[in-house]
PDB file of N, CA and C in Angstrom:
ATOM      1  N   MET A   1       5.580 -53.059 -39.577  1.00  0.00           N
ATOM      2  CA  MET A   1       5.827 -53.209 -41.003  1.00  0.00           C
ATOM      3  C   MET A   1       5.438 -51.906 -41.713  1.00  0.00           C
ATOM      4  N   ARG A   2       6.304 -51.433 -42.547  1.00  0.00           N
ATOM      5  CA  ARG A   2       6.059 -50.188 -43.285  1.00  0.00           C
ATOM      6  C   ARG A   2       5.285 -50.496 -44.559  1.00  0.00           C
ATOM      7  N   GLU A   3       4.242 -49.709 -44.805  1.00  0.00           N
ATOM      8  CA  GLU A   3       3.453 -49.901 -46.021  1.00  0.00           C
ATOM      9  C   GLU A   3       4.221 -49.383 -47.236  1.00  0.00           C
ATOM     10  N   SER A   4       3.999 -50.020 -48.374  1.00  0.00           N
ATOM     11  CA  SER A   4       4.625 -49.559 -49.610  1.00  0.00           C
ATOM     12  C   SER A   4       3.890 -48.329 -50.122  1.00  0.00           C
ATOM     13  N   LYS A   5       4.533 -47.603 -51.016  1.00  0.00           N
ATOM     14  CA  LYS A   5       3.900 -46.419 -51.617  1.00  0.00           C
ATOM     15  C   LYS A   5       2.586 -46.813 -52.297  1.00  0.00           C
ATOM     16  N   ALA A   6       2.582 -47.955 -52.989  1.00  0.00           N
ATOM     17  CA  ALA A   6       1.362 -48.392 -53.682  1.00  0.00           C
ATOM     18  C   ALA A   6       0.220 -48.631 -52.693  1.00  0.00           C
ATOM     19  N   ASP A   7       0.529 -49.204 -51.526  1.00  0.00           N
ATOM     20  CA  ASP A   7      -0.501 -49.445 -50.509  1.00  0.00           C
ATOM     21  C   ASP A   7      -1.063 -48.134 -49.979  1.00  0.00           C
ATOM     22  N   ILE A   8      -0.177 -47.164 -49.764  1.00  0.00           N
ATOM     23  CA  ILE A   8      -0.611 -45.873 -49.248  1.00  0.00           C
ATOM     24  C   ILE A   8      -1.459 -45.144 -50.284  1.00  0.00           C
ATOM     25  N   VAL A   9      -1.036 -45.176 -51.548  1.00  0.00           N
ATOM     26  CA  VAL A   9      -1.803 -44.517 -52.608  1.00  0.00           C
ATOM     27  C   VAL A   9      -3.180 -45.174 -52.735  1.00  0.00           C
ATOM     28  N   GLU A  10      -3.247 -46.502 -52.635  1.00  0.00           N
ATOM     29  CA  GLU A  10      -4.551 -47.173 -52.690  1.00  0.00           C
ATOM     30  C   GLU A  10      -5.443 -46.706 -51.538  1.00  0.00           C
ATOM     31  N   THR A  11      -4.886 -46.650 -50.341  1.00  0.00           N
ATOM     32  CA  THR A  11      -5.659 -46.206 -49.184  1.00  0.00           C
ATOM     33  C   THR A  11      -6.175 -44.788 -49.386  1.00  0.00           C
ATOM     34  N   LEU A  12      -5.309 -43.900 -49.869  1.00  0.00           N
ATOM     35  CA  LEU A  12      -5.717 -42.520 -50.109  1.00  0.00           C
ATOM     36  C   LEU A  12      -6.757 -42.430 -51.229  1.00  0.00           C
ATOM     37  N   ALA A  13      -6.626 -43.248 -52.270  1.00  0.00           N
ATOM     38  CA  ALA A  13      -7.608 -43.251 -53.359  1.00  0.00           C
ATOM     39  C   ALA A  13      -8.961 -43.742 -52.863  1.00  0.00           C
ATOM     40  N   ARG A  14      -8.940 -44.741 -51.987  1.00  0.00           N
ATOM     41  CA  ARG A  14     -10.191 -45.224 -51.403  1.00  0.00           C
ATOM     42  C   ARG A  14     -10.850 -44.120 -50.569  1.00  0.00           C
ATOM     43  N   LEU A  15     -10.033 -43.402 -49.800  1.00  0.00           N
ATOM     44  CA  LEU A  15     -10.570 -42.291 -49.005  1.00  0.00           C
ATOM     45  C   LEU A  15     -11.129 -41.190 -49.900  1.00  0.00           C
ATOM     46  N   ALA A  16     -10.425 -40.873 -50.983  1.00  0.00           N
ATOM     47  CA  ALA A  16     -10.910 -39.843 -51.912  1.00  0.00           C
ATOM     48  C   ALA A  16     -12.267 -40.240 -52.486  1.00  0.00           C
ATOM     49  N   ALA A  17     -12.419 -41.512 -52.846  1.00  0.00           N
ATOM     50  CA  ALA A  17     -13.702 -41.979 -53.374  1.00  0.00           C
ATOM     51  C   ALA A  17     -14.798 -41.854 -52.323  1.00  0.00           C
ATOM     52  N   GLN A  18     -14.474 -42.247 -51.083  1.00  0.00           N
ATOM     53  CA  GLN A  18     -15.471 -42.144 -50.010  1.00  0.00           C
ATOM     54  C   GLN A  18     -15.847 -40.692 -49.750  1.00  0.00           C
ATOM     55  N   PHE A  19     -14.861 -39.803 -49.703  1.00  0.00           N
ATOM     56  CA  PHE A  19     -15.150 -38.385 -49.475  1.00  0.00           C
ATOM     57  C   PHE A  19     -16.010 -37.806 -50.593  1.00  0.00           C
ATOM     58  N   ALA A  20     -15.881 -38.363 -51.794  1.00  0.00           N
ATOM     59  CA  ALA A  20     -16.693 -37.895 -52.926  1.00  0.00           C
ATOM     60  C   ALA A  20     -18.072 -38.558 -52.942  1.00  0.00           C
ATOM     61  N   GLY A  21     -18.340 -39.402 -51.950  1.00  0.00           N
ATOM     62  CA  GLY A  21     -19.657 -40.028 -51.837  1.00  0.00           C
ATOM     63  C   GLY A  21     -19.818 -41.314 -52.623  1.00  0.00           C
ATOM     64  N   HIS A  22     -18.700 -41.973 -52.958  1.00  0.00           N
ATOM     65  CA  HIS A  22     -18.756 -43.216 -53.728  1.00  0.00           C
ATOM     66  C   HIS A  22     -18.258 -44.394 -52.897  1.00  0.00           C
ATOM     67  N   ASP A  23     -18.801 -45.565 -53.164  1.00  0.00           N
ATOM     68  CA  ASP A  23     -18.284 -46.796 -52.568  1.00  0.00           C
ATOM     69  C   ASP A  23     -17.019 -47.164 -53.336  1.00  0.00           C
ATOM     70  N   PRO A  24     -15.839 -47.154 -52.688  1.00  0.00           N
ATOM     71  CA  PRO A  24     -14.595 -47.395 -53.405  1.00  0.00           C
ATOM     72  C   PRO A  24     -14.520 -48.772 -54.065  1.00  0.00           C
ATOM     73  N   ASP A  25     -15.280 -49.750 -53.547  1.00  0.00           N
ATOM     74  CA  ASP A  25     -15.223 -51.103 -54.100  1.00  0.00           C
ATOM     75  C   ASP A  25     -16.303 -51.390 -55.143  1.00  0.00           C
ATOM     76  N   LYS A  26     -17.166 -50.414 -55.384  1.00  0.00           N
ATOM     77  CA  LYS A  26     -18.229 -50.609 -56.379  1.00  0.00           C
ATOM     78  C   LYS A  26     -17.625 -50.566 -57.784  1.00  0.00           C
ATOM     79  N   HIS A  27     -18.117 -51.433 -58.645  1.00  0.00           N
ATOM     80  CA  HIS A  27     -17.656 -51.438 -60.038  1.00  0.00           C
ATOM     81  C   HIS A  27     -18.195 -50.196 -60.741  1.00  0.00           C
ATOM     82  N   LEU A  28     -17.329 -49.521 -61.459  1.00  0.00           N
ATOM     83  CA  LEU A  28     -17.691 -48.286 -62.148  1.00  0.00           C
ATOM     84  C   LEU A  28     -17.348 -48.413 -63.624  1.00  0.00           C
ATOM     85  N   ARG A  29     -18.350 -48.248 -64.454  1.00  0.00           N
ATOM     86  CA  ARG A  29     -18.137 -48.281 -65.906  1.00  0.00           C
ATOM     87  C   ARG A  29     -18.554 -46.936 -66.478  1.00  0.00           C
ATOM     88  N   ILE A  30     -17.615 -46.274 -67.111  1.00  0.00           N
ATOM     89  CA  ILE A  30     -17.896 -44.983 -67.735  1.00  0.00           C
ATOM     90  C   ILE A  30     -17.663 -45.140 -69.228  1.00  0.00           C
ATOM     91  N   GLN A  31     -18.687 -44.801 -69.984  1.00  0.00           N
ATOM     92  CA  GLN A  31     -18.631 -44.927 -71.432  1.00  0.00           C
ATOM     93  C   GLN A  31     -19.042 -43.605 -72.055  1.00  0.00           C
ATOM     94  N   ILE A  32     -18.241 -43.131 -72.984  1.00  0.00           N
ATOM     95  CA  ILE A  32     -18.554 -41.924 -73.735  1.00  0.00           C
ATOM     96  C   ILE A  32     -18.734 -42.345 -75.185  1.00  0.00           C
ATOM     97  N   GLY A  33     -19.963 -42.279 -75.643  1.00  0.00           N
ATOM     98  CA  GLY A  33     -20.263 -42.797 -76.982  1.00  0.00           C
ATOM     99  C   GLY A  33     -19.994 -44.289 -77.006  1.00  0.00           C
ATOM    100  N   ASN A  34     -19.150 -44.723 -77.919  1.00  0.00           N
ATOM    101  CA  ASN A  34     -18.800 -46.143 -78.008  1.00  0.00           C
ATOM    102  C   ASN A  34     -17.486 -46.469 -77.318  1.00  0.00           C
ATOM    103  N   VAL A  35     -16.906 -45.495 -76.636  1.00  0.00           N
ATOM    104  CA  VAL A  35     -15.600 -45.690 -76.008  1.00  0.00           C
ATOM    105  C   VAL A  35     -15.759 -45.871 -74.500  1.00  0.00           C
ATOM    106  N   VAL A  36     -15.269 -46.977 -73.994  1.00  0.00           N
ATOM    107  CA  VAL A  36     -15.262 -47.219 -72.548  1.00  0.00           C
ATOM    108  C   VAL A  36     -14.001 -46.564 -71.992  1.00  0.00           C
ATOM    109  N   VAL A  37     -14.183 -45.587 -71.117  1.00  0.00           N
ATOM    110  CA  VAL A  37     -13.031 -44.867 -70.577  1.00  0.00           C
ATOM    111  C   VAL A  37     -12.616 -45.373 -69.202  1.00  0.00           C
ATOM    112  N   HIS A  38     -13.490 -46.093 -68.525  1.00  0.00           N
ATOM    113  CA  HIS A  38     -13.132 -46.717 -67.242  1.00  0.00           C
ATOM    114  C   HIS A  38     -14.063 -47.887 -67.007  1.00  0.00           C
ATOM    115  N   ASP A  39     -13.496 -49.022 -66.636  1.00  0.00           N
ATOM    116  CA  ASP A  39     -14.286 -50.211 -66.348  1.00  0.00           C
ATOM    117  C   ASP A  39     -13.556 -51.011 -65.273  1.00  0.00           C
ATOM    118  N   ASP A  40     -13.681 -50.546 -64.038  1.00  0.00           N
ATOM    119  CA  ASP A  40     -12.964 -51.144 -62.918  1.00  0.00           C
ATOM    120  C   ASP A  40     -13.624 -50.661 -61.628  1.00  0.00           C
ATOM    121  N   VAL A  41     -13.047 -51.004 -60.487  1.00  0.00           N
ATOM    122  CA  VAL A  41     -13.599 -50.528 -59.225  1.00  0.00           C
ATOM    123  C   VAL A  41     -13.398 -49.020 -59.114  1.00  0.00           C
ATOM    124  N   THR A  42     -14.262 -48.374 -58.341  1.00  0.00           N
ATOM    125  CA  THR A  42     -14.284 -46.914 -58.256  1.00  0.00           C
ATOM    126  C   THR A  42     -12.951 -46.325 -57.814  1.00  0.00           C
ATOM    127  N   TRP A  43     -12.317 -46.912 -56.803  1.00  0.00           N
ATOM    128  CA  TRP A  43     -11.096 -46.287 -56.271  1.00  0.00           C
ATOM    129  C   TRP A  43      -9.980 -46.238 -57.307  1.00  0.00           C
ATOM    130  N   ARG A  44     -10.059 -47.057 -58.341  1.00  0.00           N
ATOM    131  CA  ARG A  44      -9.039 -47.041 -59.389  1.00  0.00           C
ATOM    132  C   ARG A  44      -9.314 -46.003 -60.476  1.00  0.00           C
ATOM    133  N   TYR A  45     -10.386 -45.240 -60.323  1.00  0.00           N
ATOM    134  CA  TYR A  45     -10.698 -44.199 -61.300  1.00  0.00           C
ATOM    135  C   TYR A  45      -9.542 -43.194 -61.306  1.00  0.00           C
ATOM    136  N   PRO A  46      -9.058 -42.799 -62.467  1.00  0.00           N
ATOM    137  CA  PRO A  46      -7.860 -41.943 -62.536  1.00  0.00           C
ATOM    138  C   PRO A  46      -7.919 -40.687 -61.677  1.00  0.00           C
ATOM    139  N   ASP A  47      -9.073 -40.054 -61.570  1.00  0.00           N
ATOM    140  CA  ASP A  47      -9.163 -38.839 -60.749  1.00  0.00           C
ATOM    141  C   ASP A  47      -8.822 -39.141 -59.294  1.00  0.00           C
ATOM    142  N   PHE A  48      -9.328 -40.255 -58.769  1.00  0.00           N
ATOM    143  CA  PHE A  48      -9.053 -40.606 -57.380  1.00  0.00           C
ATOM    144  C   PHE A  48      -7.593 -41.014 -57.207  1.00  0.00           C
ATOM    145  N   LEU A  49      -7.034 -41.706 -58.190  1.00  0.00           N
ATOM    146  CA  LEU A  49      -5.619 -42.076 -58.117  1.00  0.00           C
ATOM    147  C   LEU A  49      -4.727 -40.839 -58.183  1.00  0.00           C
ATOM    148  N   ASN A  50      -5.079 -39.870 -59.025  1.00  0.00           N
ATOM    149  CA  ASN A  50      -4.290 -38.638 -59.117  1.00  0.00           C
ATOM    150  C   ASN A  50      -4.344 -37.852 -57.811  1.00  0.00           C
ATOM    151  N   ARG A  51      -5.522 -37.784 -57.201  1.00  0.00           N
ATOM    152  CA  ARG A  51      -5.648 -37.094 -55.911  1.00  0.00           C
ATOM    153  C   ARG A  51      -4.826 -37.809 -54.851  1.00  0.00           C
ATOM    154  N   ALA A  52      -4.864 -39.128 -54.877  1.00  0.00           N
ATOM    155  CA  ALA A  52      -4.111 -39.916 -53.902  1.00  0.00           C
ATOM    156  C   ALA A  52      -2.610 -39.711 -54.078  1.00  0.00           C
ATOM    157  N   GLU A  53      -2.148 -39.709 -55.314  1.00  0.00           N
ATOM    158  CA  GLU A  53      -0.726 -39.504 -55.589  1.00  0.00           C
ATOM    159  C   GLU A  53      -0.288 -38.123 -55.112  1.00  0.00           C
ATOM    160  N   SER A  54      -1.106 -37.108 -55.343  1.00  0.00           N
ATOM    161  CA  SER A  54      -0.783 -35.755 -54.881  1.00  0.00           C
ATOM    162  C   SER A  54      -0.724 -35.703 -53.354  1.00  0.00           C
ATOM    163  N   ALA A  55      -1.674 -36.332 -52.703  1.00  0.00           N
ATOM    164  CA  ALA A  55      -1.684 -36.357 -51.235  1.00  0.00           C
ATOM    165  C   ALA A  55      -0.459 -37.097 -50.702  1.00  0.00           C
ATOM    166  N   TYR A  56      -0.098 -38.192 -51.356  1.00  0.00           N
ATOM    167  CA  TYR A  56       1.089 -38.943 -50.935  1.00  0.00           C
ATOM    168  C   TYR A  56       2.331 -38.056 -51.018  1.00  0.00           C
ATOM    169  N   GLN A  57       2.457 -37.298 -52.102  1.00  0.00           N
ATOM    170  CA  GLN A  57       3.622 -36.429 -52.268  1.00  0.00           C
ATOM    171  C   GLN A  57       3.696 -35.389 -51.155  1.00  0.00           C
ATOM    172  N   VAL A  58       2.559 -34.811 -50.785  1.00  0.00           N
ATOM    173  CA  VAL A  58       2.534 -33.844 -49.693  1.00  0.00           C
ATOM    174  C   VAL A  58       3.001 -34.514 -48.401  1.00  0.00           C
ATOM    175  N   LEU A  59       2.480 -35.705 -48.137  1.00  0.00           N
ATOM    176  CA  LEU A  59       2.867 -36.427 -46.920  1.00  0.00           C
ATOM    177  C   LEU A  59       4.336 -36.828 -46.946  1.00  0.00           C
ATOM    178  N   ALA A  60       4.803 -37.298 -48.084  1.00  0.00           N
ATOM    179  CA  ALA A  60       6.189 -37.759 -48.206  1.00  0.00           C
ATOM    180  C   ALA A  60       7.178 -36.600 -48.084  1.00  0.00           C
ATOM    181  N   ASP A  61       6.778 -35.422 -48.550  1.00  0.00           N
ATOM    182  CA  ASP A  61       7.665 -34.260 -48.525  1.00  0.00           C
ATOM    183  C   ASP A  61       7.657 -33.530 -47.183  1.00  0.00           C
ATOM    184  N   SER A  62       6.704 -33.856 -46.317  1.00  0.00           N
ATOM    185  CA  SER A  62       6.632 -33.175 -45.022  1.00  0.00           C
ATOM    186  C   SER A  62       7.624 -33.808 -44.053  1.00  0.00           C
ATOM    187  N   ASN A  63       7.893 -33.110 -42.985  1.00  0.00           N
ATOM    188  CA  ASN A  63       8.788 -33.608 -41.950  1.00  0.00           C
ATOM    189  C   ASN A  63       8.033 -33.708 -40.639  1.00  0.00           C
ATOM    190  N   PRO A  64       7.230 -34.772 -40.495  1.00  0.00           N
ATOM    191  CA  PRO A  64       6.467 -34.906 -39.253  1.00  0.00           C
ATOM    192  C   PRO A  64       7.406 -35.205 -38.081  1.00  0.00           C
ATOM    193  N   PRO A  65       6.980 -34.864 -36.875  1.00  0.00           N
ATOM    194  CA  PRO A  65       7.804 -35.198 -35.722  1.00  0.00           C
ATOM    195  C   PRO A  65       7.855 -36.710 -35.535  1.00  0.00           C
ATOM    196  N   PRO A  66       8.897 -37.208 -34.915  1.00  0.00           N
ATOM    197  CA  PRO A  66       8.974 -38.658 -34.663  1.00  0.00           C
ATOM    198  C   PRO A  66       7.791 -39.126 -33.844  1.00  0.00           C
ATOM    199  N   ALA A  67       7.415 -40.379 -34.024  1.00  0.00           N
ATOM    200  CA  ALA A  67       6.277 -40.954 -33.302  1.00  0.00           C
ATOM    201  C   ALA A  67       6.502 -40.840 -31.798  1.00  0.00           C
ATOM    202  N   GLY A  68       5.455 -40.519 -31.079  1.00  0.00           N
ATOM    203  CA  GLY A  68       5.538 -40.440 -29.632  1.00  0.00           C
ATOM    204  C   GLY A  68       5.854 -39.057 -29.106  1.00  0.00           C
ATOM    205  N   GLU A  69       6.064 -38.106 -29.993  1.00  0.00           N
ATOM    206  CA  GLU A  69       6.358 -36.742 -29.519  1.00  0.00           C
ATOM    207  C   GLU A  69       5.174 -35.844 -29.708  1.00  0.00           C
TER     208      GLU A  69
END
């Protein structure tokens, strides 16, 4: 079964969070003054999602050899 783009981006975002030393499933609340800028699990933080999307594009644009070669 082929994973969807959203599944791959989530996996890459989780890896980005782990590489940055964060638990991807930990709840993260970031507040600047009275404004909440993020209130969700760590892997959904925009920086990690942007890194994941960029990594996906690199992978999608590459031409890997067929499996088994």
